[in-house]
Amino acid sequence: MEVRAELVGNVWKVEAQAGQQVEEEDVLLILESMKMEIPVTAPIRGTVKEIRVKEQEVVKEGQVLAVIE
């Protein structure tokens, strides 16, 4: 399952890494937009296959941030 950005922002902090087991609602990364921190959470329980962004990277709405299987 692809986890996508819901808004335009900067990747403030990456919390998860490839190979990590996550539960539904675990924080994968934190986006910063308009001085607000927005946590991006896992929509399902599974294993993080890949994180497709780096800290400080600017992301667009709809961009794939991570993949969970």
PDB file of N, CA and C in Angstrom:
ATOM      1  N   MET A   1       0.845  -1.176   0.000  1.00  0.00           N
ATOM      2  CA  MET A   1       0.000   0.000   0.000  1.00  0.00           C
ATOM      3  C   MET A   1       0.891   1.238   0.000  1.00  0.00           C
ATOM      4  N   GLU A   2       0.558   2.183  -0.869  1.00  0.00           N
ATOM      5  CA  GLU A   2       1.305   3.435  -0.948  1.00  0.00           C
ATOM      6  C   GLU A   2       0.715   4.451   0.031  1.00  0.00           C
ATOM      7  N   VAL A   3       1.593   5.125   0.756  1.00  0.00           N
ATOM      8  CA  VAL A   3       1.186   6.200   1.665  1.00  0.00           C
ATOM      9  C   VAL A   3       1.525   7.501   0.957  1.00  0.00           C
ATOM     10  N   ARG A   4       0.499   8.337   0.727  1.00  0.00           N
ATOM     11  CA  ARG A   4       0.679   9.562  -0.059  1.00  0.00           C
ATOM     12  C   ARG A   4       0.536  10.815   0.804  1.00  0.00           C
ATOM     13  N   ALA A   5       1.181  11.887   0.337  1.00  0.00           N
ATOM     14  CA  ALA A   5       1.075  13.184   1.020  1.00  0.00           C
ATOM     15  C   ALA A   5      -0.314  13.764   0.780  1.00  0.00           C
ATOM     16  N   GLU A   6      -0.919  14.278   1.827  1.00  0.00           N
ATOM     17  CA  GLU A   6      -2.237  14.895   1.707  1.00  0.00           C
ATOM     18  C   GLU A   6      -2.132  16.392   1.434  1.00  0.00           C
ATOM     19  N   LEU A   7      -0.904  16.926   1.500  1.00  0.00           N
ATOM     20  CA  LEU A   7      -0.711  18.358   1.282  1.00  0.00           C
ATOM     21  C   LEU A   7       0.715  18.639   0.852  1.00  0.00           C
ATOM     22  N   VAL A   8       0.952  19.853   0.417  1.00  0.00           N
ATOM     23  CA  VAL A   8       2.306  20.298   0.054  1.00  0.00           C
ATOM     24  C   VAL A   8       3.028  20.683   1.345  1.00  0.00           C
ATOM     25  N   GLY A   9       4.270  20.253   1.489  1.00  0.00           N
ATOM     26  CA  GLY A   9       5.021  20.602   2.683  1.00  0.00           C
ATOM     27  C   GLY A   9       6.446  20.103   2.607  1.00  0.00           C
ATOM     28  N   ASN A  10       7.166  20.288   3.700  1.00  0.00           N
ATOM     29  CA  ASN A  10       8.539  19.807   3.828  1.00  0.00           C
ATOM     30  C   ASN A  10       8.548  18.589   4.734  1.00  0.00           C
ATOM     31  N   VAL A  11       9.433  17.642   4.419  1.00  0.00           N
ATOM     32  CA  VAL A  11       9.608  16.499   5.311  1.00  0.00           C
ATOM     33  C   VAL A  11      10.443  16.997   6.487  1.00  0.00           C
ATOM     34  N   TRP A  12       9.820  17.070   7.659  1.00  0.00           N
ATOM     35  CA  TRP A  12      10.504  17.583   8.838  1.00  0.00           C
ATOM     36  C   TRP A  12      11.314  16.483   9.505  1.00  0.00           C
ATOM     37  N   LYS A  13      10.717  15.290   9.646  1.00  0.00           N
ATOM     38  CA  LYS A  13      11.414  14.191  10.312  1.00  0.00           C
ATOM     39  C   LYS A  13      10.886  12.854   9.801  1.00  0.00           C
ATOM     40  N   VAL A  14      11.807  11.932   9.510  1.00  0.00           N
ATOM     41  CA  VAL A  14      11.438  10.569   9.118  1.00  0.00           C
ATOM     42  C   VAL A  14      11.545   9.700  10.356  1.00  0.00           C
ATOM     43  N   GLU A  15      10.446   9.077  10.743  1.00  0.00           N
ATOM     44  CA  GLU A  15      10.401   8.264  11.966  1.00  0.00           C
ATOM     45  C   GLU A  15      10.600   6.773  11.699  1.00  0.00           C
ATOM     46  N   ALA A  16      10.176   6.299  10.532  1.00  0.00           N
ATOM     47  CA  ALA A  16      10.236   4.866  10.216  1.00  0.00           C
ATOM     48  C   ALA A  16      11.342   4.604   9.198  1.00  0.00           C
ATOM     49  N   GLN A  17      11.736   3.348   9.094  1.00  0.00           N
ATOM     50  CA  GLN A  17      12.736   2.974   8.109  1.00  0.00           C
ATOM     51  C   GLN A  17      12.355   1.653   7.454  1.00  0.00           C
ATOM     52  N   ALA A  18      12.938   1.391   6.301  1.00  0.00           N
ATOM     53  CA  ALA A  18      12.648   0.173   5.554  1.00  0.00           C
ATOM     54  C   ALA A  18      12.923  -1.055   6.414  1.00  0.00           C
ATOM     55  N   GLY A  19      12.023  -2.007   6.356  1.00  0.00           N
ATOM     56  CA  GLY A  19      12.163  -3.241   7.119  1.00  0.00           C
ATOM     57  C   GLY A  19      11.482  -3.202   8.474  1.00  0.00           C
ATOM     58  N   GLN A  20      11.076  -2.013   8.909  1.00  0.00           N
ATOM     59  CA  GLN A  20      10.444  -1.848  10.229  1.00  0.00           C
ATOM     60  C   GLN A  20       9.000  -2.336  10.208  1.00  0.00           C
ATOM     61  N   GLN A  21       8.608  -3.036  11.276  1.00  0.00           N
ATOM     62  CA  GLN A  21       7.216  -3.448  11.453  1.00  0.00           C
ATOM     63  C   GLN A  21       6.448  -2.265  12.030  1.00  0.00           C
ATOM     64  N   VAL A  22       5.272  -1.981  11.475  1.00  0.00           N
ATOM     65  CA  VAL A  22       4.451  -0.881  11.987  1.00  0.00           C
ATOM     66  C   VAL A  22       3.026  -1.359  12.219  1.00  0.00           C
ATOM     67  N   GLU A  23       2.391  -0.719  13.171  1.00  0.00           N
ATOM     68  CA  GLU A  23       0.978  -0.966  13.450  1.00  0.00           C
ATOM     69  C   GLU A  23       0.178   0.156  12.796  1.00  0.00           C
ATOM     70  N   GLU A  24      -1.105  -0.087  12.581  1.00  0.00           N
ATOM     71  CA  GLU A  24      -1.974   0.949  12.050  1.00  0.00           C
ATOM     72  C   GLU A  24      -1.900   2.181  12.960  1.00  0.00           C
ATOM     73  N   GLU A  25      -1.775   3.347  12.365  1.00  0.00           N
ATOM     74  CA  GLU A  25      -1.681   4.645  13.058  1.00  0.00           C
ATOM     75  C   GLU A  25      -0.302   4.958  13.635  1.00  0.00           C
ATOM     76  N   ASP A  26       0.702   4.093  13.454  1.00  0.00           N
ATOM     77  CA  ASP A  26       2.066   4.450  13.855  1.00  0.00           C
ATOM     78  C   ASP A  26       2.552   5.598  12.970  1.00  0.00           C
ATOM     79  N   VAL A  27       3.318   6.526  13.529  1.00  0.00           N
ATOM     80  CA  VAL A  27       3.832   7.665  12.765  1.00  0.00           C
ATOM     81  C   VAL A  27       5.001   7.206  11.894  1.00  0.00           C
ATOM     82  N   LEU A  28       4.890   7.461  10.583  1.00  0.00           N
ATOM     83  CA  LEU A  28       5.953   7.119   9.635  1.00  0.00           C
ATOM     84  C   LEU A  28       6.905   8.292   9.447  1.00  0.00           C
ATOM     85  N   LEU A  29       6.324   9.483   9.323  1.00  0.00           N
ATOM     86  CA  LEU A  29       7.127  10.685   9.164  1.00  0.00           C
ATOM     87  C   LEU A  29       6.284  11.898   9.530  1.00  0.00           C
ATOM     88  N   ILE A  30       6.950  13.028   9.646  1.00  0.00           N
ATOM     89  CA  ILE A  30       6.258  14.261  10.022  1.00  0.00           C
ATOM     90  C   ILE A  30       6.524  15.301   8.939  1.00  0.00           C
ATOM     91  N   LEU A  31       5.438  15.869   8.421  1.00  0.00           N
ATOM     92  CA  LEU A  31       5.545  16.947   7.444  1.00  0.00           C
ATOM     93  C   LEU A  31       5.376  18.276   8.158  1.00  0.00           C
ATOM     94  N   GLU A  32       5.980  19.305   7.596  1.00  0.00           N
ATOM     95  CA  GLU A  32       5.824  20.664   8.138  1.00  0.00           C
ATOM     96  C   GLU A  32       5.237  21.512   7.024  1.00  0.00           C
ATOM     97  N   SER A  33       4.157  22.194   7.354  1.00  0.00           N
ATOM     98  CA  SER A  33       3.514  23.080   6.391  1.00  0.00           C
ATOM     99  C   SER A  33       2.936  24.266   7.138  1.00  0.00           C
ATOM    100  N   MET A  34       3.269  25.447   6.705  1.00  0.00           N
ATOM    101  CA  MET A  34       2.795  26.673   7.342  1.00  0.00           C
ATOM    102  C   MET A  34       3.029  26.663   8.852  1.00  0.00           C
ATOM    103  N   LYS A  35       4.235  26.240   9.244  1.00  0.00           N
ATOM    104  CA  LYS A  35       4.678  26.197  10.646  1.00  0.00           C
ATOM    105  C   LYS A  35       3.898  25.208  11.508  1.00  0.00           C
ATOM    106  N   MET A  36       3.174  24.289  10.865  1.00  0.00           N
ATOM    107  CA  MET A  36       2.452  23.234  11.591  1.00  0.00           C
ATOM    108  C   MET A  36       3.116  21.896  11.288  1.00  0.00           C
ATOM    109  N   GLU A  37       3.204  21.047  12.297  1.00  0.00           N
ATOM    110  CA  GLU A  37       3.748  19.702  12.114  1.00  0.00           C
ATOM    111  C   GLU A  37       2.581  18.743  11.918  1.00  0.00           C
ATOM    112  N   ILE A  38       2.608  17.991  10.811  1.00  0.00           N
ATOM    113  CA  ILE A  38       1.523  17.074  10.481  1.00  0.00           C
ATOM    114  C   ILE A  38       2.080  15.656  10.432  1.00  0.00           C
ATOM    115  N   PRO A  39       1.669  14.790  11.377  1.00  0.00           N
ATOM    116  CA  PRO A  39       2.155  13.411  11.338  1.00  0.00           C
ATOM    117  C   PRO A  39       1.494  12.630  10.196  1.00  0.00           C
ATOM    118  N   VAL A  40       2.295  11.824   9.512  1.00  0.00           N
ATOM    119  CA  VAL A  40       1.791  10.919   8.481  1.00  0.00           C
ATOM    120  C   VAL A  40       1.842   9.524   9.088  1.00  0.00           C
ATOM    121  N   THR A  41       0.679   8.897   9.216  1.00  0.00           N
ATOM    122  CA  THR A  41       0.602   7.614   9.916  1.00  0.00           C
ATOM    123  C   THR A  41       0.374   6.446   8.960  1.00  0.00           C
ATOM    124  N   ALA A  42       0.689   5.258   9.447  1.00  0.00           N
ATOM    125  CA  ALA A  42       0.486   4.037   8.670  1.00  0.00           C
ATOM    126  C   ALA A  42      -1.019   3.735   8.584  1.00  0.00           C
ATOM    127  N   PRO A  43      -1.533   3.551   7.377  1.00  0.00           N
ATOM    128  CA  PRO A  43      -2.958   3.247   7.237  1.00  0.00           C
ATOM    129  C   PRO A  43      -3.284   1.787   7.567  1.00  0.00           C
ATOM    130  N   ILE A  44      -2.255   0.938   7.548  1.00  0.00           N
ATOM    131  CA  ILE A  44      -2.433  -0.489   7.818  1.00  0.00           C
ATOM    132  C   ILE A  44      -1.269  -0.999   8.656  1.00  0.00           C
ATOM    133  N   ARG A  45      -1.448  -2.185   9.225  1.00  0.00           N
ATOM    134  CA  ARG A  45      -0.363  -2.874   9.916  1.00  0.00           C
ATOM    135  C   ARG A  45       0.474  -3.592   8.861  1.00  0.00           C
ATOM    136  N   GLY A  46       1.790  -3.592   9.023  1.00  0.00           N
ATOM    137  CA  GLY A  46       2.632  -4.285   8.052  1.00  0.00           C
ATOM    138  C   GLY A  46       4.097  -3.944   8.216  1.00  0.00           C
ATOM    139  N   THR A  47       4.831  -4.178   7.128  1.00  0.00           N
ATOM    140  CA  THR A  47       6.264  -3.908   7.099  1.00  0.00           C
ATOM    141  C   THR A  47       6.528  -2.758   6.135  1.00  0.00           C
ATOM    142  N   VAL A  48       7.342  -1.803   6.563  1.00  0.00           N
ATOM    143  CA  VAL A  48       7.711  -0.692   5.684  1.00  0.00           C
ATOM    144  C   VAL A  48       8.638  -1.251   4.608  1.00  0.00           C
ATOM    145  N   LYS A  49       8.178  -1.203   3.366  1.00  0.00           N
ATOM    146  CA  LYS A  49       8.985  -1.699   2.255  1.00  0.00           C
ATOM    147  C   LYS A  49      10.018  -0.648   1.849  1.00  0.00           C
ATOM    148  N   GLU A  50       9.557   0.620   1.775  1.00  0.00           N
ATOM    149  CA  GLU A  50      10.493   1.705   1.454  1.00  0.00           C
ATOM    150  C   GLU A  50       9.941   3.049   1.904  1.00  0.00           C
ATOM    151  N   ILE A  51      10.869   3.951   2.201  1.00  0.00           N
ATOM    152  CA  ILE A  51      10.553   5.353   2.471  1.00  0.00           C
ATOM    153  C   ILE A  51      11.105   6.105   1.259  1.00  0.00           C
ATOM    154  N   ARG A  52      10.253   6.824   0.562  1.00  0.00           N
ATOM    155  CA  ARG A  52      10.657   7.445  -0.705  1.00  0.00           C
ATOM    156  C   ARG A  52      11.045   8.917  -0.589  1.00  0.00           C
ATOM    157  N   VAL A  53      11.138   9.430   0.624  1.00  0.00           N
ATOM    158  CA  VAL A  53      11.518  10.837   0.807  1.00  0.00           C
ATOM    159  C   VAL A  53      12.619  10.947   1.849  1.00  0.00           C
ATOM    160  N   LYS A  54      13.282  12.096   1.855  1.00  0.00           N
ATOM    161  CA  LYS A  54      14.338  12.378   2.833  1.00  0.00           C
ATOM    162  C   LYS A  54      13.954  13.620   3.622  1.00  0.00           C
ATOM    163  N   GLU A  55      14.547  13.780   4.797  1.00  0.00           N
ATOM    164  CA  GLU A  55      14.305  14.980   5.602  1.00  0.00           C
ATOM    165  C   GLU A  55      14.715  16.222   4.820  1.00  0.00           C
ATOM    166  N   GLN A  56      13.937  17.275   4.964  1.00  0.00           N
ATOM    167  CA  GLN A  56      14.101  18.578   4.304  1.00  0.00           C
ATOM    168  C   GLN A  56      13.584  18.594   2.865  1.00  0.00           C
ATOM    169  N   GLU A  57      13.180  17.450   2.324  1.00  0.00           N
ATOM    170  CA  GLU A  57      12.659  17.404   0.955  1.00  0.00           C
ATOM    171  C   GLU A  57      11.271  18.042   0.896  1.00  0.00           C
ATOM    172  N   VAL A  58      10.992  18.754  -0.189  1.00  0.00           N
ATOM    173  CA  VAL A  58       9.666  19.331  -0.402  1.00  0.00           C
ATOM    174  C   VAL A  58       8.820  18.285  -1.126  1.00  0.00           C
ATOM    175  N   VAL A  59       7.608  18.043  -0.611  1.00  0.00           N
ATOM    176  CA  VAL A  59       6.725  17.063  -1.236  1.00  0.00           C
ATOM    177  C   VAL A  59       5.470  17.747  -1.767  1.00  0.00           C
ATOM    178  N   LYS A  60       4.900  17.136  -2.806  1.00  0.00           N
ATOM    179  CA  LYS A  60       3.682  17.643  -3.420  1.00  0.00           C
ATOM    180  C   LYS A  60       2.492  16.818  -2.946  1.00  0.00           C
ATOM    181  N   GLU A  61       1.324  17.409  -3.010  1.00  0.00           N
ATOM    182  CA  GLU A  61       0.101  16.691  -2.674  1.00  0.00           C
ATOM    183  C   GLU A  61      -0.024  15.481  -3.599  1.00  0.00           C
ATOM    184  N   GLY A  62      -0.293  14.315  -3.013  1.00  0.00           N
ATOM    185  CA  GLY A  62      -0.450  13.091  -3.787  1.00  0.00           C
ATOM    186  C   GLY A  62       0.835  12.306  -4.017  1.00  0.00           C
ATOM    187  N   GLN A  63       1.976  12.896  -3.659  1.00  0.00           N
ATOM    188  CA  GLN A  63       3.262  12.210  -3.850  1.00  0.00           C
ATOM    189  C   GLN A  63       3.356  11.002  -2.913  1.00  0.00           C
ATOM    190  N   VAL A  64       3.910   9.889  -3.419  1.00  0.00           N
ATOM    191  CA  VAL A  64       4.101   8.701  -2.593  1.00  0.00           C
ATOM    192  C   VAL A  64       5.261   8.956  -1.636  1.00  0.00           C
ATOM    193  N   LEU A  65       4.975   8.789  -0.327  1.00  0.00           N
ATOM    194  CA  LEU A  65       5.984   9.027   0.710  1.00  0.00           C
ATOM    195  C   LEU A  65       6.618   7.718   1.176  1.00  0.00           C
ATOM    196  N   ALA A  66       5.795   6.678   1.254  1.00  0.00           N
ATOM    197  CA  ALA A  66       6.269   5.387   1.773  1.00  0.00           C
ATOM    198  C   ALA A  66       5.414   4.267   1.172  1.00  0.00           C
ATOM    199  N   VAL A  67       5.949   3.055   1.253  1.00  0.00           N
ATOM    200  CA  VAL A  67       5.218   1.870   0.806  1.00  0.00           C
ATOM    201  C   VAL A  67       5.228   0.855   1.943  1.00  0.00           C
ATOM    202  N   ILE A  68       4.045   0.336   2.271  1.00  0.00           N
ATOM    203  CA  ILE A  68       3.897  -0.669   3.329  1.00  0.00           C
ATOM    204  C   ILE A  68       3.310  -1.923   2.715  1.00  0.00           C
ATOM    205  N   GLU A  69       3.838  -3.075   3.107  1.00  0.00           N
ATOM    206  CA  GLU A  69       3.251  -4.332   2.618  1.00  0.00           C
ATOM    207  C   GLU A  69       2.895  -5.240   3.756  1.00  0.00           C
TER     208      GLU A  69
END
